[in-house]
Amino acid sequence: MDETTPGDEAGTASEVGVRPLREVRAERLLTLRDLAGLAGEDRAALSEIEAGTRRPTRALVRRVTAALGVEASAIAEFRPRMPAGYDEARDRAAAARLEALGYPSILALRAMNRAKYVGEAT
């Protein structure tokens, strides 16, 4: 595997500002070996994460993002992924039915929590 070649990712991040780990690492002129040393992690593990064949642990995310000086949300491989078959429209429809019956939906509860703990407007 070429350790310094950026830009050959299989997919691109759909959200603005979210970039693949390989791209962030290459921007800082770091090889996998360099990043592994800075993060105290195995080079092979980082390679597997970049290839999409391994999910990172929370501890690994903390060490790698600290070594790179970025937030975890800026790295595509560190963003939470929905399970295969997830249908947001179906969830929204179910939430609307629950709200019509007088129950607060999970979407409404999430918005309230964001407003309370993160300061985002609902």
C-alpha atoms as a PDB file:
ATOM      1  CA  MET A   1       0.000   0.000   0.000  1.00  0.00           C
ATOM      2  CA  ASP A   2       1.317   3.446  -0.898  1.00  0.00           C
ATOM      3  CA  GLU A   3       1.451   5.342   2.367  1.00  0.00           C
ATOM      4  CA  THR A   4       1.510   8.889   1.031  1.00  0.00           C
ATOM      5  CA  THR A   5      -0.873   8.937  -1.924  1.00  0.00           C
ATOM      6  CA  PRO A   6      -3.942  11.063  -1.216  1.00  0.00           C
ATOM      7  CA  GLY A   7      -7.146  11.156  -3.197  1.00  0.00           C
ATOM      8  CA  ASP A   8      -7.716   7.549  -4.230  1.00  0.00           C
ATOM      9  CA  GLU A   9     -10.583   6.885  -1.845  1.00  0.00           C
ATOM     10  CA  ALA A  10     -13.412   4.711  -3.072  1.00  0.00           C
ATOM     11  CA  GLY A  11     -16.050   7.260  -2.100  1.00  0.00           C
ATOM     12  CA  THR A  12     -16.196  10.913  -1.217  1.00  0.00           C
ATOM     13  CA  ALA A  13     -17.576  12.462   1.928  1.00  0.00           C
ATOM     14  CA  SER A  14     -21.055  13.817   1.375  1.00  0.00           C
ATOM     15  CA  GLU A  15     -20.837  16.444   4.092  1.00  0.00           C
ATOM     16  CA  VAL A  16     -18.909  19.672   3.684  1.00  0.00           C
ATOM     17  CA  GLY A  17     -15.711  19.670   5.724  1.00  0.00           C
ATOM     18  CA  VAL A  18     -15.677  15.906   6.256  1.00  0.00           C
ATOM     19  CA  ARG A  19     -12.635  14.324   4.643  1.00  0.00           C
ATOM     20  CA  PRO A  20     -11.111  10.853   4.509  1.00  0.00           C
ATOM     21  CA  LEU A  21      -8.403  10.051   7.052  1.00  0.00           C
ATOM     22  CA  ARG A  22      -5.898   9.406   4.252  1.00  0.00           C
ATOM     23  CA  GLU A  23      -6.445  12.924   2.882  1.00  0.00           C
ATOM     24  CA  VAL A  24      -6.025  14.614   6.271  1.00  0.00           C
ATOM     25  CA  ARG A  25      -2.916  12.551   6.984  1.00  0.00           C
ATOM     26  CA  ALA A  26      -1.375  13.308   3.574  1.00  0.00           C
ATOM     27  CA  GLU A  27      -2.130  17.015   3.961  1.00  0.00           C
ATOM     28  CA  ARG A  28       0.106  16.943   7.037  1.00  0.00           C
ATOM     29  CA  LEU A  29       2.765  15.042   5.069  1.00  0.00           C
ATOM     30  CA  LEU A  30       2.484  12.018   7.352  1.00  0.00           C
ATOM     31  CA  THR A  31       2.894   8.407   6.312  1.00  0.00           C
ATOM     32  CA  LEU A  32       0.890   5.704   8.055  1.00  0.00           C
ATOM     33  CA  ARG A  33       4.027   4.846  10.002  1.00  0.00           C
ATOM     34  CA  ASP A  34       4.406   8.496  11.126  1.00  0.00           C
ATOM     35  CA  LEU A  35       0.789   8.754  12.263  1.00  0.00           C
ATOM     36  CA  ALA A  36       0.959   5.375  13.973  1.00  0.00           C
ATOM     37  CA  GLY A  37       3.980   6.570  15.946  1.00  0.00           C
ATOM     38  CA  LEU A  38       2.347   9.861  16.930  1.00  0.00           C
ATOM     39  CA  ALA A  39      -0.901   8.155  17.949  1.00  0.00           C
ATOM     40  CA  GLY A  40       0.717   5.143  19.605  1.00  0.00           C
ATOM     41  CA  GLU A  41      -1.218   2.831  17.304  1.00  0.00           C
ATOM     42  CA  ASP A  42      -0.387  -0.035  14.972  1.00  0.00           C
ATOM     43  CA  ARG A  43       0.254   0.981  11.342  1.00  0.00           C
ATOM     44  CA  ALA A  44      -1.722  -1.999  10.054  1.00  0.00           C
ATOM     45  CA  ALA A  45      -4.782  -0.958  12.097  1.00  0.00           C
ATOM     46  CA  LEU A  46      -4.687   2.543  10.617  1.00  0.00           C
ATOM     47  CA  SER A  47      -4.318   1.081   7.129  1.00  0.00           C
ATOM     48  CA  GLU A  48      -7.380  -1.108   7.662  1.00  0.00           C
ATOM     49  CA  ILE A  49      -9.396   1.888   8.890  1.00  0.00           C
ATOM     50  CA  GLU A  50      -8.399   3.896   5.822  1.00  0.00           C
ATOM     51  CA  ALA A  51      -9.370   0.949   3.595  1.00  0.00           C
ATOM     52  CA  GLY A  52     -12.751   0.670   5.327  1.00  0.00           C
ATOM     53  CA  THR A  53     -12.209  -2.894   6.523  1.00  0.00           C
ATOM     54  CA  ARG A  54     -11.993  -2.014  10.223  1.00  0.00           C
ATOM     55  CA  ARG A  55     -14.042   0.207  12.521  1.00  0.00           C
ATOM     56  CA  PRO A  56     -12.017   2.360  14.922  1.00  0.00           C
ATOM     57  CA  THR A  57     -12.464   2.156  18.683  1.00  0.00           C
ATOM     58  CA  ARG A  58     -13.231   5.313  20.651  1.00  0.00           C
ATOM     59  CA  ALA A  59      -9.762   5.240  22.179  1.00  0.00           C
ATOM     60  CA  LEU A  60      -8.156   5.008  18.742  1.00  0.00           C
ATOM     61  CA  VAL A  61     -10.276   7.918  17.491  1.00  0.00           C
ATOM     62  CA  ARG A  62      -9.131  10.057  20.436  1.00  0.00           C
ATOM     63  CA  ARG A  63      -5.450   9.226  19.892  1.00  0.00           C
ATOM     64  CA  VAL A  64      -5.520   9.746  16.115  1.00  0.00           C
ATOM     65  CA  THR A  65      -7.487  12.990  16.223  1.00  0.00           C
ATOM     66  CA  ALA A  66      -5.180  14.332  18.936  1.00  0.00           C
ATOM     67  CA  ALA A  67      -2.149  13.432  16.817  1.00  0.00           C
ATOM     68  CA  LEU A  68      -3.675  15.131  13.752  1.00  0.00           C
ATOM     69  CA  GLY A  69      -5.080  18.105  15.665  1.00  0.00           C
ATOM     70  CA  VAL A  70      -8.619  17.716  14.285  1.00  0.00           C
ATOM     71  CA  GLU A  71     -12.088  16.927  15.602  1.00  0.00           C
ATOM     72  CA  ALA A  72     -13.354  13.378  15.092  1.00  0.00           C
ATOM     73  CA  SER A  73     -16.353  14.725  13.179  1.00  0.00           C
ATOM     74  CA  ALA A  74     -13.995  16.045  10.471  1.00  0.00           C
ATOM     75  CA  ILE A  75     -12.760  12.550   9.549  1.00  0.00           C
ATOM     76  CA  ALA A  76     -15.082  10.482   7.352  1.00  0.00           C
ATOM     77  CA  GLU A  77     -14.064   7.115   8.846  1.00  0.00           C
ATOM     78  CA  PHE A  78     -14.778   8.398  12.376  1.00  0.00           C
ATOM     79  CA  ARG A  79     -18.341   9.558  11.646  1.00  0.00           C
ATOM     80  CA  PRO A  80     -21.176   7.333  12.860  1.00  0.00           C
ATOM     81  CA  ARG A  81     -22.753   5.226  10.130  1.00  0.00           C
ATOM     82  CA  MET A  82     -26.326   4.062   9.959  1.00  0.00           C
ATOM     83  CA  PRO A  83     -26.890   0.343   9.541  1.00  0.00           C
ATOM     84  CA  ALA A  84     -27.612  -1.052   6.096  1.00  0.00           C
ATOM     85  CA  GLY A  85     -31.271  -0.740   5.230  1.00  0.00           C
ATOM     86  CA  TYR A  86     -31.871   2.303   7.432  1.00  0.00           C
ATOM     87  CA  ASP A  87     -34.684   4.405   5.996  1.00  0.00           C
ATOM     88  CA  GLU A  88     -34.858   7.923   7.429  1.00  0.00           C
ATOM     89  CA  ALA A  89     -38.137   8.687   5.642  1.00  0.00           C
ATOM     90  CA  ARG A  90     -39.763   5.655   7.284  1.00  0.00           C
ATOM     91  CA  ASP A  91     -38.505   6.815  10.703  1.00  0.00           C
ATOM     92  CA  ARG A  92     -39.848  10.310  10.111  1.00  0.00           C
ATOM     93  CA  ALA A  93     -43.253   8.891   9.105  1.00  0.00           C
ATOM     94  CA  ALA A  94     -43.361   6.732  12.237  1.00  0.00           C
ATOM     95  CA  ALA A  95     -42.378   9.738  14.357  1.00  0.00           C
ATOM     96  CA  ALA A  96     -45.199  11.783  12.811  1.00  0.00           C
ATOM     97  CA  ARG A  97     -47.718   9.036  13.634  1.00  0.00           C
ATOM     98  CA  LEU A  98     -46.526   8.917  17.261  1.00  0.00           C
ATOM     99  CA  GLU A  99     -46.738  12.693  17.560  1.00  0.00           C
ATOM    100  CA  ALA A 100     -50.286  12.604  16.160  1.00  0.00           C
ATOM    101  CA  LEU A 101     -51.153  10.242  19.028  1.00  0.00           C
ATOM    102  CA  GLY A 102     -49.660  12.659  21.546  1.00  0.00           C
ATOM    103  CA  TYR A 103     -46.317  10.918  22.120  1.00  0.00           C
ATOM    104  CA  PRO A 104     -43.074  12.880  21.725  1.00  0.00           C
ATOM    105  CA  SER A 105     -41.002  11.454  18.913  1.00  0.00           C
ATOM    106  CA  ILE A 106     -37.364  10.500  19.211  1.00  0.00           C
ATOM    107  CA  LEU A 107     -36.621  13.262  16.707  1.00  0.00           C
ATOM    108  CA  ALA A 108     -38.240  15.857  18.973  1.00  0.00           C
ATOM    109  CA  LEU A 109     -36.380  14.466  21.995  1.00  0.00           C
ATOM    110  CA  ARG A 110     -33.075  14.616  20.110  1.00  0.00           C
ATOM    111  CA  ALA A 111     -33.741  18.225  19.121  1.00  0.00           C
ATOM    112  CA  MET A 112     -34.517  19.139  22.741  1.00  0.00           C
ATOM    113  CA  ASN A 113     -31.329  17.448  23.933  1.00  0.00           C
ATOM    114  CA  ARG A 114     -29.246  19.249  21.308  1.00  0.00           C
ATOM    115  CA  ALA A 115     -30.765  22.553  22.376  1.00  0.00           C
ATOM    116  CA  LYS A 116     -30.165  21.791  26.045  1.00  0.00           C
ATOM    117  CA  TYR A 117     -26.642  20.346  25.887  1.00  0.00           C
ATOM    118  CA  VAL A 118     -25.126  21.738  22.717  1.00  0.00           C
ATOM    119  CA  GLY A 119     -26.940  25.030  22.450  1.00  0.00           C
ATOM    120  CA  GLU A 120     -28.361  24.388  18.994  1.00  0.00           C
ATOM    121  CA  ALA A 121     -31.719  25.879  18.136  1.00  0.00           C
ATOM    122  CA  THR A 122     -34.577  23.499  17.506  1.00  0.00           C
END
